[in-house]
């Protein structure tokens, strides 16, 4: 009985922590009102780094070239591909004079490092305002450049965008999109409270001068991944960072089709978190641990029937607050069809993240492909 009492009061603490996150932090994005920004018409360089992406480039380059924007160049970075990627790039350059190709050859010091290729692309860009996306990623409107670039100001040098994944059938697709949604809720919310900590390279913009003032990726060049989140974690602050969440600013990528491939992808992404600033690791860790404890203690206390009415009431309160915040956020990010399976997706994601964390500890990280 004493043990159950300790677990009960621990459970109350965990619920309060969860409510603090959802109601106090994540609600900042959920209730965020989008304000239309004035079009800047600044010259923008779009950077796409590609490694063996010939087929994807054929589909997605035209979508970038048809953007409704007066002045932009497209920097295509061929990162030592061994397929027809470079030939595809050259074929587009023949027809479009605003395309520039950077053909990256590997060197031993930066073998297999995407950050080296991106650095060469950034150096080759002609404009101070840089917009990044991936080779398998498409803008969801012809106003993508306009929307993302409109958020640059004299003070705001970093713009965080949303990179969605294409909706297909199956539970894995829902899991991938739910993880993407939850991650976006977090990095948008922390940016709203003045503590930006990451971004996704599928949809990110920053000034070229900001990149070089921070000495580029040099502080974490030895880390295989993190050209997006680690760089933003290093340089972003309340003064220089803003968000873009209009649907015209979204991009969409092709999701992994197998659980093992997604697992490998997430291992690479999660491996960078240990390099975050201590305050960011602390809040992210507390949130994740509180998620695990919420589900674990809920099960133990309900099965034991210890103060089950209070326990059930607290569970319902937490789920209601969570649902409202995620529902409002999902509406903003066009992910509403995930809501019906929210509890199952959350539980499966928690278990998956735990497995990924354990796997990262016990296995060696591979190269970017």
Protein backbone atom coordinates (compact mmCIF):
# COMPACT_ATOMS: atom_id res chain seq x y z
CA UNK A 1 0.00 0.00 0.00
CA UNK A 2 2.89 2.37 0.78
CA UNK A 3 4.41 1.65 -2.61
CA UNK A 4 1.10 2.34 -4.35
CA UNK A 5 0.81 5.58 -2.41
CA UNK A 6 4.22 6.70 -3.63
CA UNK A 7 3.30 5.76 -7.19
CA UNK A 8 0.01 7.64 -6.86
CA UNK A 9 1.65 10.91 -5.82
CA UNK A 10 4.34 10.41 -8.46
CA UNK A 11 1.54 10.01 -10.99
CA UNK A 12 -0.06 13.29 -9.88
CA UNK A 13 3.30 15.04 -10.36
CA UNK A 14 3.72 13.49 -13.81
CA UNK A 15 0.24 14.61 -14.88
CA UNK A 16 0.98 18.15 -13.71
CA UNK A 17 4.22 18.12 -15.73
CA UNK A 18 2.36 16.91 -18.82
CA UNK A 19 -0.28 19.61 -18.36
CA UNK A 20 2.48 22.21 -18.01
CA UNK A 21 3.96 21.13 -21.33
CA UNK A 22 0.71 20.87 -23.27
CA UNK A 23 -1.17 23.71 -21.62
CA UNK A 24 1.74 26.03 -20.91
CA UNK A 25 4.19 25.54 -23.79
CA UNK A 26 2.64 23.67 -26.71
CA UNK A 27 -0.53 25.76 -26.50
CA UNK A 28 1.58 28.74 -27.60
CA UNK A 29 1.65 27.23 -31.07
CA UNK A 30 -1.82 25.69 -30.91
CA UNK A 31 -3.39 29.13 -30.29
CA UNK A 32 -0.91 31.00 -32.49
CA UNK A 33 -2.65 33.30 -34.97
CA UNK A 34 -0.99 33.50 -38.35
CA UNK A 35 -0.30 37.04 -39.48
CA UNK A 36 0.16 37.66 -43.18
CA UNK A 37 3.58 39.15 -43.83
CA UNK A 38 4.33 41.76 -46.46
CA UNK A 39 6.09 40.32 -49.51
CA UNK A 40 9.74 41.40 -49.46
CA UNK A 41 10.80 40.55 -53.05
CA UNK A 42 14.35 39.98 -51.80
CA UNK A 43 16.70 37.87 -53.91
CA UNK A 44 16.71 34.29 -52.59
CA UNK A 45 18.98 31.31 -53.19
CA UNK A 46 17.30 27.89 -52.97
CA UNK A 47 19.70 25.10 -51.98
CA UNK A 48 19.04 21.42 -52.67
CA UNK A 49 21.69 18.87 -51.69
CA UNK A 50 21.27 15.56 -53.54
CA UNK A 51 22.99 12.20 -53.27
CA UNK A 52 21.69 9.61 -55.76
CA UNK A 53 18.39 11.43 -56.24
CA UNK A 54 18.07 11.45 -60.03
CA UNK A 55 14.44 10.30 -60.20
CA UNK A 56 13.24 12.58 -57.41
CA UNK A 57 14.95 15.61 -58.95
CA UNK A 58 13.12 15.06 -62.23
CA UNK A 59 9.83 15.45 -60.40
CA UNK A 60 10.63 18.14 -57.85
CA UNK A 61 12.94 20.60 -59.65
CA UNK A 62 10.12 21.77 -61.98
CA UNK A 63 7.97 22.56 -58.91
CA UNK A 64 10.66 24.86 -57.59
CA UNK A 65 11.29 26.51 -60.95
CA UNK A 66 7.59 27.40 -61.34
CA UNK A 67 7.51 29.35 -58.08
CA UNK A 68 5.67 32.67 -58.13
CA UNK A 69 8.63 34.78 -57.11
CA UNK A 70 10.52 37.47 -59.05
CA UNK A 71 14.18 36.84 -58.14
CA UNK A 72 15.66 33.53 -57.12
CA UNK A 73 18.41 31.13 -58.07
CA UNK A 74 18.44 27.36 -57.59
CA UNK A 75 21.70 25.87 -56.26
CA UNK A 76 21.81 22.14 -57.04
CA UNK A 77 24.48 20.36 -55.03
CA UNK A 78 25.57 16.96 -56.32
CA UNK A 79 27.10 15.20 -53.33
CA UNK A 80 29.27 12.56 -55.02
CA UNK A 81 26.33 10.69 -56.56
CA UNK A 82 26.91 7.47 -58.48
CA UNK A 83 23.63 7.55 -60.42
CA UNK A 84 22.41 10.08 -63.04
CA UNK A 85 21.91 12.91 -60.53
CA UNK A 86 24.52 15.18 -62.11
CA UNK A 87 23.19 14.56 -65.63
CA UNK A 88 19.66 15.45 -64.51
CA UNK A 89 20.95 18.65 -62.94
CA UNK A 90 22.81 19.59 -66.13
CA UNK A 91 19.74 18.98 -68.27
CA UNK A 92 17.73 21.45 -66.19
CA UNK A 93 20.54 24.00 -66.21
CA UNK A 94 20.57 24.01 -70.02
CA UNK A 95 16.99 25.26 -70.00
CA UNK A 96 17.14 27.61 -67.01
CA UNK A 97 19.77 30.29 -66.47
CA UNK A 98 18.91 30.71 -62.78
CA UNK A 99 20.29 27.24 -61.95
CA UNK A 100 23.79 26.79 -60.60
CA UNK A 101 25.41 23.36 -60.08
CA UNK A 102 27.94 22.54 -57.39
CA UNK A 103 29.55 19.18 -58.09
CA UNK A 104 31.10 17.98 -54.84
CA UNK A 105 33.96 15.50 -54.89
CA UNK A 106 34.74 13.68 -51.62
CA UNK A 107 37.81 14.49 -49.60
CA UNK A 108 39.15 12.30 -46.81
CA UNK A 109 38.63 14.84 -44.02
CA UNK A 110 34.89 15.16 -44.73
CA UNK A 111 34.14 11.78 -46.29
CA UNK A 112 30.39 11.18 -46.51
CA UNK A 113 29.58 14.42 -44.67
CA UNK A 114 26.56 16.31 -46.01
CA UNK A 115 27.64 19.46 -44.15
CA UNK A 116 30.73 19.75 -46.33
CA UNK A 117 28.62 19.60 -49.49
CA UNK A 118 26.14 22.15 -48.13
CA UNK A 119 28.96 24.50 -47.16
CA UNK A 120 30.26 24.49 -50.74
CA UNK A 121 26.72 25.17 -51.98
CA UNK A 122 26.28 28.08 -49.58
CA UNK A 123 29.62 29.56 -50.66
CA UNK A 124 28.51 29.34 -54.29
CA UNK A 125 25.19 31.11 -53.68
CA UNK A 126 24.85 34.67 -54.96
CA UNK A 127 22.25 35.92 -52.46
CA UNK A 128 22.22 36.63 -48.74
CA UNK A 129 18.85 34.95 -48.12
CA UNK A 130 19.04 31.16 -48.29
CA UNK A 131 16.14 28.70 -48.41
CA UNK A 132 16.78 24.97 -47.95
CA UNK A 133 14.86 21.87 -48.93
CA UNK A 134 15.61 18.25 -49.87
CA UNK A 135 15.79 16.51 -53.22
CA UNK A 136 12.72 14.39 -52.46
CA UNK A 137 10.75 17.38 -51.22
CA UNK A 138 8.22 19.51 -53.04
CA UNK A 139 6.68 22.88 -52.19
CA UNK A 140 2.92 22.54 -51.67
CA UNK A 141 2.18 25.85 -53.36
CA UNK A 142 3.68 28.16 -55.96
CA UNK A 143 4.06 30.77 -53.21
CA UNK A 144 6.49 28.77 -51.07
CA UNK A 145 9.45 31.11 -51.60
CA UNK A 146 7.23 34.16 -51.15
CA UNK A 147 5.81 32.91 -47.85
CA UNK A 148 9.09 31.74 -46.32
CA UNK A 149 11.09 34.80 -47.38
CA UNK A 150 8.39 37.22 -46.19
CA UNK A 151 9.34 36.46 -42.57
CA UNK A 152 12.85 37.85 -42.90
CA UNK A 153 13.25 41.24 -41.20
CA UNK A 154 16.14 43.37 -40.02
CA UNK A 155 16.13 41.30 -36.80
CA UNK A 156 14.78 37.91 -37.94
CA UNK A 157 17.56 35.98 -39.70
CA UNK A 158 16.20 32.42 -39.28
CA UNK A 159 12.81 31.17 -40.49
CA UNK A 160 11.53 27.77 -39.35
CA UNK A 161 9.09 26.08 -41.73
CA UNK A 162 7.02 22.91 -41.73
CA UNK A 163 8.11 19.88 -43.73
CA UNK A 164 5.21 17.44 -44.01
CA UNK A 165 5.22 13.86 -45.27
CA UNK A 166 2.90 12.66 -48.01
CA UNK A 167 -0.29 11.01 -46.80
CA UNK A 168 -0.63 7.35 -47.81
CA UNK A 169 -2.42 4.33 -46.40
CA UNK A 170 -1.26 2.30 -43.42
CA UNK A 171 -0.33 2.69 -39.76
CA UNK A 172 3.36 3.35 -40.49
CA UNK A 173 2.48 6.42 -42.55
CA UNK A 174 0.31 7.72 -39.71
CA UNK A 175 3.14 7.07 -37.23
CA UNK A 176 5.65 8.95 -39.39
CA UNK A 177 3.31 11.89 -39.81
CA UNK A 178 2.38 11.92 -36.12
CA UNK A 179 6.04 12.00 -35.09
CA UNK A 180 6.59 14.82 -37.58
CA UNK A 181 3.55 16.69 -36.24
CA UNK A 182 4.60 16.33 -32.60
CA UNK A 183 8.15 17.42 -33.40
CA UNK A 184 6.84 20.47 -35.25
CA UNK A 185 4.53 21.38 -32.36
CA UNK A 186 7.56 21.32 -30.07
CA UNK A 187 10.02 23.32 -32.16
CA UNK A 188 7.38 25.88 -33.17
CA UNK A 189 6.20 26.24 -29.55
CA UNK A 190 9.69 26.65 -28.13
CA UNK A 191 10.41 29.25 -30.81
CA UNK A 192 7.23 31.07 -29.76
CA UNK A 193 8.38 31.27 -26.12
CA UNK A 194 11.80 32.52 -27.16
CA UNK A 195 13.73 29.26 -26.85
CA UNK A 196 14.18 27.91 -30.42
CA UNK A 197 16.13 24.67 -30.47
CA UNK A 198 15.84 22.96 -33.87
CA UNK A 199 14.49 22.98 -37.41
CA UNK A 200 14.10 20.55 -40.29
CA UNK A 201 16.25 20.88 -43.40
CA UNK A 202 13.22 20.07 -45.55
CA UNK A 203 12.01 23.63 -45.00
CA UNK A 204 14.40 26.12 -43.42
CA UNK A 205 15.68 29.57 -44.27
CA UNK A 206 18.46 31.75 -42.91
CA UNK A 207 20.82 34.51 -43.92
CA UNK A 208 24.12 33.64 -45.56
CA UNK A 209 25.90 36.18 -43.36
CA UNK A 210 24.44 34.48 -40.27
CA UNK A 211 25.92 31.19 -41.43
CA UNK A 212 29.43 32.59 -41.80
CA UNK A 213 29.25 34.66 -38.60
CA UNK A 214 28.65 31.35 -36.79
CA UNK A 215 31.59 29.76 -38.69
CA UNK A 216 29.16 27.47 -40.48
CA UNK A 217 29.02 23.89 -39.29
CA UNK A 218 32.53 23.87 -37.81
CA UNK A 219 31.35 23.42 -34.21
CA UNK A 220 29.75 20.08 -35.13
CA UNK A 221 31.34 19.12 -38.44
CA UNK A 222 32.41 15.81 -36.91
CA UNK A 223 28.75 14.86 -36.36
CA UNK A 224 27.37 13.13 -39.45
CA UNK A 225 23.87 14.62 -39.20
CA UNK A 226 22.58 17.90 -37.82
CA UNK A 227 23.04 20.32 -40.71
CA UNK A 228 19.58 21.60 -39.78
CA UNK A 229 18.82 21.00 -36.09
CA UNK A 230 22.34 21.30 -34.66
CA UNK A 231 23.04 24.47 -36.64
CA UNK A 232 19.78 26.07 -35.48
CA UNK A 233 20.42 24.86 -31.92
CA UNK A 234 23.78 26.62 -32.07
CA UNK A 235 22.73 30.00 -33.46
CA UNK A 236 18.99 30.50 -32.87
CA UNK A 237 17.64 32.76 -30.14
CA UNK A 238 14.50 34.70 -29.29
CA UNK A 239 15.66 37.77 -31.22
CA UNK A 240 16.77 36.24 -34.53
CA UNK A 241 14.27 33.40 -35.08
CA UNK A 242 10.69 33.29 -36.32
CA UNK A 243 8.26 30.72 -37.73
CA UNK A 244 6.24 30.34 -40.93
CA UNK A 245 3.08 28.25 -40.63
CA UNK A 246 0.84 29.34 -43.50
CA UNK A 247 -0.10 26.36 -45.66
CA UNK A 248 1.47 28.05 -48.68
CA UNK A 249 4.85 27.74 -46.93
CA UNK A 250 4.68 23.95 -46.40
CA UNK A 251 6.77 21.36 -48.18
CA UNK A 252 6.03 17.66 -48.57
CA UNK A 253 8.47 14.75 -48.65
CA UNK A 254 8.20 11.08 -49.53
CA UNK A 255 7.93 9.00 -46.32
CA UNK A 256 9.74 5.76 -45.67
CA UNK A 257 7.76 2.69 -46.69
CA UNK A 258 9.15 0.18 -44.19
CA UNK A 259 9.44 0.31 -40.41
CA UNK A 260 13.12 -0.69 -40.54
CA UNK A 261 14.01 2.15 -42.92
CA UNK A 262 12.12 4.66 -40.80
CA UNK A 263 13.83 3.28 -37.69
CA UNK A 264 17.25 3.80 -39.31
CA UNK A 265 16.30 7.32 -40.41
CA UNK A 266 15.16 8.27 -36.92
CA UNK A 267 18.31 6.80 -35.37
CA UNK A 268 20.32 9.29 -37.41
CA UNK A 269 18.04 12.19 -36.45
CA UNK A 270 17.86 11.33 -32.75
CA UNK A 271 21.63 10.86 -32.50
CA UNK A 272 22.13 14.62 -32.80
CA UNK A 273 20.04 15.45 -29.71
CA UNK A 274 22.93 14.69 -27.35
CA UNK A 275 24.76 17.68 -28.85
CA UNK A 276 21.95 20.13 -28.05
CA UNK A 277 22.44 22.84 -25.45
CA UNK A 278 21.91 21.54 -21.88
CA UNK A 279 18.70 23.51 -21.33
CA UNK A 280 17.17 22.01 -24.46
CA UNK A 281 18.20 18.48 -23.54
CA UNK A 282 16.69 19.01 -20.10
CA UNK A 283 13.22 20.13 -21.25
CA UNK A 284 13.05 17.54 -24.04
CA UNK A 285 14.16 14.81 -21.64
CA UNK A 286 11.67 15.80 -18.97
CA UNK A 287 8.82 15.77 -21.49
CA UNK A 288 9.74 12.34 -22.84
CA UNK A 289 10.25 10.77 -19.40
CA UNK A 290 6.93 12.23 -18.24
CA UNK A 291 5.23 10.62 -21.25
CA UNK A 292 6.65 7.19 -20.36
CA UNK A 293 5.73 7.55 -16.69
CA UNK A 294 2.21 8.76 -17.51
CA UNK A 295 1.42 5.60 -19.47
CA UNK A 296 3.26 3.25 -17.11
CA UNK A 297 1.79 4.63 -13.89
CA UNK A 298 -1.69 4.90 -15.41
CA UNK A 299 -1.61 1.19 -16.18
CA UNK A 300 -0.24 0.17 -12.76
CA UNK A 301 -2.68 2.29 -10.76
CA UNK A 302 -5.73 1.34 -12.81
CA UNK A 303 -4.94 -2.37 -12.66
CA UNK A 304 -4.39 -2.15 -8.89
CA UNK A 305 -7.62 -0.11 -8.50
CA UNK A 306 -5.73 2.24 -6.15
CA UNK A 307 -7.75 5.48 -5.93
CA UNK A 308 -8.93 4.57 -9.41
CA UNK A 309 -11.58 7.31 -9.64
CA UNK A 310 -8.99 10.04 -9.06
CA UNK A 311 -6.52 8.32 -11.37
CA UNK A 312 -9.11 7.99 -14.12
CA UNK A 313 -10.11 11.63 -13.69
CA UNK A 314 -6.50 12.79 -14.03
CA UNK A 315 -6.02 10.60 -17.10
CA UNK A 316 -9.09 12.13 -18.75
CA UNK A 317 -7.98 15.69 -17.93
CA UNK A 318 -4.56 15.04 -19.42
CA UNK A 319 -6.03 13.47 -22.57
CA UNK A 320 -8.53 16.32 -23.02
CA UNK A 321 -5.85 19.01 -22.76
CA UNK A 322 -3.54 17.02 -25.04
CA UNK A 323 -6.28 16.45 -27.59
CA UNK A 324 -7.29 20.12 -27.74
CA UNK A 325 -3.69 21.28 -28.22
CA UNK A 326 -2.82 18.65 -30.81
CA UNK A 327 -6.15 19.07 -32.61
CA UNK A 328 -5.65 22.83 -33.02
CA UNK A 329 -2.04 22.28 -34.10
CA UNK A 330 -3.02 19.50 -36.52
CA UNK A 331 -5.58 21.80 -38.10
CA UNK A 332 -2.87 24.41 -38.70
CA UNK A 333 -0.53 21.81 -40.20
CA UNK A 334 -3.20 19.91 -42.19
CA UNK A 335 -2.82 16.66 -40.23
CA UNK A 336 -6.35 16.34 -38.78
CA UNK A 337 -6.87 12.72 -39.83
CA UNK A 338 -4.31 11.62 -37.23
CA UNK A 339 -6.54 12.56 -34.31
CA UNK A 340 -8.77 9.48 -34.31
CA UNK A 341 -5.82 7.20 -33.50
CA UNK A 342 -3.98 9.66 -31.23
CA UNK A 343 -3.55 7.43 -28.12
CA UNK A 344 -2.31 4.44 -30.14
CA UNK A 345 0.09 6.61 -32.14
CA UNK A 346 1.47 8.24 -29.00
CA UNK A 347 2.05 4.93 -27.23
CA UNK A 348 3.67 3.30 -30.28
CA UNK A 349 5.88 6.36 -30.80
CA UNK A 350 7.05 6.34 -27.17
CA UNK A 351 8.03 2.67 -27.44
CA UNK A 352 9.74 3.28 -30.81
CA UNK A 353 11.72 6.23 -29.47
CA UNK A 354 12.89 4.16 -26.51
CA UNK A 355 14.06 1.42 -28.89
CA UNK A 356 15.83 4.01 -31.05
CA UNK A 357 17.56 5.50 -28.02
CA UNK A 358 18.79 2.08 -26.88
CA UNK A 359 19.90 1.18 -30.41
CA UNK A 360 21.89 4.41 -30.75
CA UNK A 361 23.76 3.59 -27.55
CA UNK A 362 24.66 0.08 -28.68
CA UNK A 363 25.39 0.59 -32.40
CA UNK A 364 27.66 2.79 -34.49
CA UNK A 365 26.23 5.64 -36.56
CA UNK A 366 26.60 5.36 -40.35
CA UNK A 367 27.16 7.93 -43.06
CA UNK A 368 24.61 10.19 -44.72
CA UNK A 369 23.14 8.57 -47.81
